[in-house]
């Protein structure tokens, strides 16, 4: 199967591509697993007996469980760490009002603006921003953007 230029829709395809382009010894060293495990991760779990859930599947399950209990910020942080270390950015695909009211969403925006102001004041107090501080401010701005998108959704849906 030629995966070049393909859109990966299943996590096992990523591991299949990694095995194609990197050595199994290199991958086994990265993941601290035996070669056999790598091959099992690269197999389609729906059609191959003996395949294993790979780390991407396990991470997705973990993230889903965290979201179910309202810990979206943990998922957001983890995705940012992965994406930003590779030069990518993460943004929510779709934001829906979590308050069911435009007024309540506006209050959330107010809260996030205040938090951003506090964050900026702390960061700028010494006149210089470290990379970690830049990431913290950027993350807070992203939370503000999400709140604005939730307000937009509430307005578009006519929620008062």
C-alpha atoms as a PDB file:
ATOM      1  CA  UNK A   1       0.000   0.000   0.000  1.00  0.00           C
ATOM      2  CA  UNK A   2       1.473   3.336  -1.052  1.00  0.00           C
ATOM      3  CA  UNK A   3       0.733   5.860   1.677  1.00  0.00           C
ATOM      4  CA  UNK A   4       2.563   8.833   0.170  1.00  0.00           C
ATOM      5  CA  UNK A   5       0.166  11.721  -0.215  1.00  0.00           C
ATOM      6  CA  UNK A   6      -2.644   9.745   1.345  1.00  0.00           C
ATOM      7  CA  UNK A   7      -4.812  11.163   4.011  1.00  0.00           C
ATOM      8  CA  UNK A   8      -4.330   9.046   7.110  1.00  0.00           C
ATOM      9  CA  UNK A   9      -7.667   8.263   8.641  1.00  0.00           C
ATOM     10  CA  UNK A  10      -6.654   5.438  10.947  1.00  0.00           C
ATOM     11  CA  UNK A  11      -3.825   5.408  13.447  1.00  0.00           C
ATOM     12  CA  UNK A  12      -2.459   2.042  12.330  1.00  0.00           C
ATOM     13  CA  UNK A  13      -1.672   3.670   8.958  1.00  0.00           C
ATOM     14  CA  UNK A  14       0.733   6.048  10.702  1.00  0.00           C
ATOM     15  CA  UNK A  15       2.623   3.124  12.211  1.00  0.00           C
ATOM     16  CA  UNK A  16       2.640   1.319   8.859  1.00  0.00           C
ATOM     17  CA  UNK A  17       4.171   4.413   7.253  1.00  0.00           C
ATOM     18  CA  UNK A  18       6.702   4.737  10.076  1.00  0.00           C
ATOM     19  CA  UNK A  19       7.756   1.121   9.575  1.00  0.00           C
ATOM     20  CA  UNK A  20       8.116   1.776   5.864  1.00  0.00           C
ATOM     21  CA  UNK A  21      10.308   4.850   6.288  1.00  0.00           C
ATOM     22  CA  UNK A  22      12.209   4.185   9.530  1.00  0.00           C
ATOM     23  CA  UNK A  23      13.965   1.033  10.636  1.00  0.00           C
ATOM     24  CA  UNK A  24      12.130  -1.316  12.952  1.00  0.00           C
ATOM     25  CA  UNK A  25      15.150  -1.185  15.275  1.00  0.00           C
ATOM     26  CA  UNK A  26      14.949   2.603  15.477  1.00  0.00           C
ATOM     27  CA  UNK A  27      11.202   2.505  16.179  1.00  0.00           C
ATOM     28  CA  UNK A  28      11.566  -0.263  18.756  1.00  0.00           C
ATOM     29  CA  UNK A  29      14.170   1.835  20.548  1.00  0.00           C
ATOM     30  CA  UNK A  30      11.929   4.942  20.502  1.00  0.00           C
ATOM     31  CA  UNK A  31       8.882   3.077  21.825  1.00  0.00           C
ATOM     32  CA  UNK A  32      10.710   0.562  24.055  1.00  0.00           C
ATOM     33  CA  UNK A  33       8.875  -2.383  22.509  1.00  0.00           C
ATOM     34  CA  UNK A  34       9.714  -5.500  20.538  1.00  0.00           C
ATOM     35  CA  UNK A  35       9.581  -5.481  16.746  1.00  0.00           C
ATOM     36  CA  UNK A  36       6.516  -7.742  16.814  1.00  0.00           C
ATOM     37  CA  UNK A  37       4.569  -5.098  18.759  1.00  0.00           C
ATOM     38  CA  UNK A  38       5.376  -2.473  16.117  1.00  0.00           C
ATOM     39  CA  UNK A  39       3.999  -4.714  13.391  1.00  0.00           C
ATOM     40  CA  UNK A  40       0.855  -5.349  15.430  1.00  0.00           C
ATOM     41  CA  UNK A  41       0.349  -1.614  15.900  1.00  0.00           C
ATOM     42  CA  UNK A  42       0.611  -1.178  12.112  1.00  0.00           C
ATOM     43  CA  UNK A  43      -2.116  -3.725  11.354  1.00  0.00           C
ATOM     44  CA  UNK A  44      -5.763  -2.827  10.825  1.00  0.00           C
ATOM     45  CA  UNK A  45      -7.449  -3.922  14.066  1.00  0.00           C
ATOM     46  CA  UNK A  46     -10.759  -4.473  12.253  1.00  0.00           C
ATOM     47  CA  UNK A  47      -9.376  -7.032   9.831  1.00  0.00           C
ATOM     48  CA  UNK A  48      -6.337  -8.534  11.532  1.00  0.00           C
ATOM     49  CA  UNK A  49      -6.480 -10.943  14.414  1.00  0.00           C
ATOM     50  CA  UNK A  50      -3.708 -10.351  16.921  1.00  0.00           C
ATOM     51  CA  UNK A  51      -3.366  -6.620  16.281  1.00  0.00           C
ATOM     52  CA  UNK A  52      -2.895  -4.353  19.289  1.00  0.00           C
ATOM     53  CA  UNK A  53      -4.272  -0.950  20.086  1.00  0.00           C
ATOM     54  CA  UNK A  54      -1.413   1.359  19.322  1.00  0.00           C
ATOM     55  CA  UNK A  55      -0.330   4.348  21.431  1.00  0.00           C
ATOM     56  CA  UNK A  56      -2.287   6.785  19.256  1.00  0.00           C
ATOM     57  CA  UNK A  57      -5.502   4.848  19.867  1.00  0.00           C
ATOM     58  CA  UNK A  58      -4.781   4.685  23.594  1.00  0.00           C
ATOM     59  CA  UNK A  59      -4.091   8.407  23.680  1.00  0.00           C
ATOM     60  CA  UNK A  60      -7.345   9.106  21.837  1.00  0.00           C
ATOM     61  CA  UNK A  61      -9.253   6.971  24.365  1.00  0.00           C
ATOM     62  CA  UNK A  62      -7.534   8.776  27.242  1.00  0.00           C
ATOM     63  CA  UNK A  63      -8.356  12.177  25.747  1.00  0.00           C
ATOM     64  CA  UNK A  64     -12.005  11.190  25.228  1.00  0.00           C
ATOM     65  CA  UNK A  65     -12.322  10.083  28.842  1.00  0.00           C
ATOM     66  CA  UNK A  66     -10.748  13.343  30.025  1.00  0.00           C
ATOM     67  CA  UNK A  67     -13.212  15.324  27.902  1.00  0.00           C
ATOM     68  CA  UNK A  68     -16.136  13.316  29.290  1.00  0.00           C
ATOM     69  CA  UNK A  69     -15.263  14.545  32.782  1.00  0.00           C
ATOM     70  CA  UNK A  70     -14.766  18.151  31.691  1.00  0.00           C
ATOM     71  CA  UNK A  71     -10.965  18.174  31.519  1.00  0.00           C
ATOM     72  CA  UNK A  72     -10.762  19.624  28.011  1.00  0.00           C
ATOM     73  CA  UNK A  73      -7.924  21.920  29.076  1.00  0.00           C
ATOM     74  CA  UNK A  74      -5.721  18.867  29.773  1.00  0.00           C
ATOM     75  CA  UNK A  75      -6.430  17.522  26.284  1.00  0.00           C
ATOM     76  CA  UNK A  76      -5.803  20.963  24.818  1.00  0.00           C
ATOM     77  CA  UNK A  77      -2.462  21.201  26.610  1.00  0.00           C
ATOM     78  CA  UNK A  78      -1.355  17.748  25.472  1.00  0.00           C
ATOM     79  CA  UNK A  79      -2.277  18.456  21.862  1.00  0.00           C
ATOM     80  CA  UNK A  80      -0.432  21.772  21.987  1.00  0.00           C
ATOM     81  CA  UNK A  81       2.724  20.112  23.326  1.00  0.00           C
ATOM     82  CA  UNK A  82       2.673  17.588  20.491  1.00  0.00           C
ATOM     83  CA  UNK A  83       1.776  20.064  17.756  1.00  0.00           C
ATOM     84  CA  UNK A  84       3.963  23.001  18.747  1.00  0.00           C
ATOM     85  CA  UNK A  85       7.051  20.838  19.192  1.00  0.00           C
ATOM     86  CA  UNK A  86       6.686  19.995  15.489  1.00  0.00           C
ATOM     87  CA  UNK A  87       5.840  23.502  14.314  1.00  0.00           C
ATOM     88  CA  UNK A  88       2.062  23.093  14.106  1.00  0.00           C
ATOM     89  CA  UNK A  89      -0.802  24.867  15.852  1.00  0.00           C
ATOM     90  CA  UNK A  90      -3.911  23.403  17.410  1.00  0.00           C
ATOM     91  CA  UNK A  91      -7.359  24.947  17.295  1.00  0.00           C
ATOM     92  CA  UNK A  92     -10.771  23.582  18.108  1.00  0.00           C
ATOM     93  CA  UNK A  93     -12.524  22.330  14.996  1.00  0.00           C
ATOM     94  CA  UNK A  94     -15.895  23.546  16.127  1.00  0.00           C
ATOM     95  CA  UNK A  95     -17.092  25.408  19.174  1.00  0.00           C
ATOM     96  CA  UNK A  96     -20.597  25.154  20.492  1.00  0.00           C
ATOM     97  CA  UNK A  97     -22.061  27.196  23.295  1.00  0.00           C
ATOM     98  CA  UNK A  98     -21.563  25.315  26.526  1.00  0.00           C
ATOM     99  CA  UNK A  99     -23.780  27.732  28.454  1.00  0.00           C
ATOM    100  CA  UNK A 100     -26.823  27.815  26.194  1.00  0.00           C
ATOM    101  CA  UNK A 101     -26.971  31.589  26.530  1.00  0.00           C
ATOM    102  CA  UNK A 102     -25.258  34.461  24.722  1.00  0.00           C
ATOM    103  CA  UNK A 103     -25.226  36.484  27.947  1.00  0.00           C
ATOM    104  CA  UNK A 104     -23.506  33.676  29.858  1.00  0.00           C
ATOM    105  CA  UNK A 105     -20.984  33.236  27.032  1.00  0.00           C
ATOM    106  CA  UNK A 106     -20.244  36.967  27.202  1.00  0.00           C
ATOM    107  CA  UNK A 107     -19.576  36.596  30.933  1.00  0.00           C
ATOM    108  CA  UNK A 108     -17.112  33.799  30.097  1.00  0.00           C
ATOM    109  CA  UNK A 109     -15.353  36.146  27.686  1.00  0.00           C
ATOM    110  CA  UNK A 110     -15.156  38.789  30.402  1.00  0.00           C
ATOM    111  CA  UNK A 111     -13.580  36.257  32.738  1.00  0.00           C
ATOM    112  CA  UNK A 112     -11.036  35.163  30.107  1.00  0.00           C
ATOM    113  CA  UNK A 113     -10.125  38.784  29.282  1.00  0.00           C
ATOM    114  CA  UNK A 114      -9.474  39.379  32.983  1.00  0.00           C
ATOM    115  CA  UNK A 115      -7.364  36.235  33.219  1.00  0.00           C
ATOM    116  CA  UNK A 116      -5.417  37.283  30.115  1.00  0.00           C
ATOM    117  CA  UNK A 117      -4.834  40.748  31.571  1.00  0.00           C
ATOM    118  CA  UNK A 118      -3.534  39.232  34.816  1.00  0.00           C
ATOM    119  CA  UNK A 119      -1.323  36.847  32.875  1.00  0.00           C
ATOM    120  CA  UNK A 120       0.123  39.628  30.721  1.00  0.00           C
ATOM    121  CA  UNK A 121       0.697  41.856  33.729  1.00  0.00           C
ATOM    122  CA  UNK A 122       2.633  39.074  35.479  1.00  0.00           C
ATOM    123  CA  UNK A 123       4.643  38.213  32.385  1.00  0.00           C
ATOM    124  CA  UNK A 124       5.500  41.794  31.490  1.00  0.00           C
ATOM    125  CA  UNK A 125       6.394  42.837  35.035  1.00  0.00           C
ATOM    126  CA  UNK A 126      10.086  42.109  34.448  1.00  0.00           C
ATOM    127  CA  UNK A 127      10.066  43.552  30.920  1.00  0.00           C
ATOM    128  CA  UNK A 128      10.997  40.341  29.144  1.00  0.00           C
ATOM    129  CA  UNK A 129       9.047  37.241  28.098  1.00  0.00           C
ATOM    130  CA  UNK A 130      10.555  33.774  28.264  1.00  0.00           C
ATOM    131  CA  UNK A 131       9.457  31.130  25.772  1.00  0.00           C
ATOM    132  CA  UNK A 132       7.412  29.456  28.492  1.00  0.00           C
ATOM    133  CA  UNK A 133       5.687  32.754  29.277  1.00  0.00           C
ATOM    134  CA  UNK A 134       4.982  33.313  25.579  1.00  0.00           C
ATOM    135  CA  UNK A 135       3.363  29.870  25.424  1.00  0.00           C
ATOM    136  CA  UNK A 136       1.296  30.633  28.532  1.00  0.00           C
ATOM    137  CA  UNK A 137       0.044  33.929  27.074  1.00  0.00           C
ATOM    138  CA  UNK A 138      -0.663  32.307  23.705  1.00  0.00           C
ATOM    139  CA  UNK A 139      -2.587  29.537  25.415  1.00  0.00           C
ATOM    140  CA  UNK A 140      -4.654  32.082  27.333  1.00  0.00           C
ATOM    141  CA  UNK A 141      -5.386  33.972  24.101  1.00  0.00           C
ATOM    142  CA  UNK A 142      -6.493  30.691  22.528  1.00  0.00           C
ATOM    143  CA  UNK A 143      -8.905  30.129  25.442  1.00  0.00           C
ATOM    144  CA  UNK A 144     -10.293  33.620  24.856  1.00  0.00           C
ATOM    145  CA  UNK A 145     -10.763  32.830  21.155  1.00  0.00           C
ATOM    146  CA  UNK A 146     -12.650  29.641  22.052  1.00  0.00           C
ATOM    147  CA  UNK A 147     -14.946  31.645  24.330  1.00  0.00           C
ATOM    148  CA  UNK A 148     -15.561  34.123  21.506  1.00  0.00           C
ATOM    149  CA  UNK A 149     -16.418  31.244  19.174  1.00  0.00           C
ATOM    150  CA  UNK A 150     -18.845  29.867  21.766  1.00  0.00           C
ATOM    151  CA  UNK A 151     -20.494  33.311  21.969  1.00  0.00           C
ATOM    152  CA  UNK A 152     -20.720  33.413  18.181  1.00  0.00           C
ATOM    153  CA  UNK A 153     -22.422  29.998  18.208  1.00  0.00           C
ATOM    154  CA  UNK A 154     -24.900  31.149  20.858  1.00  0.00           C
ATOM    155  CA  UNK A 155     -25.726  34.279  18.839  1.00  0.00           C
ATOM    156  CA  UNK A 156     -26.090  32.347  15.581  1.00  0.00           C
ATOM    157  CA  UNK A 157     -28.428  29.884  17.292  1.00  0.00           C
ATOM    158  CA  UNK A 158     -30.477  32.726  18.758  1.00  0.00           C
ATOM    159  CA  UNK A 159     -29.728  31.808  22.375  1.00  0.00           C
ATOM    160  CA  UNK A 160     -30.457  34.721  24.699  1.00  0.00           C
END
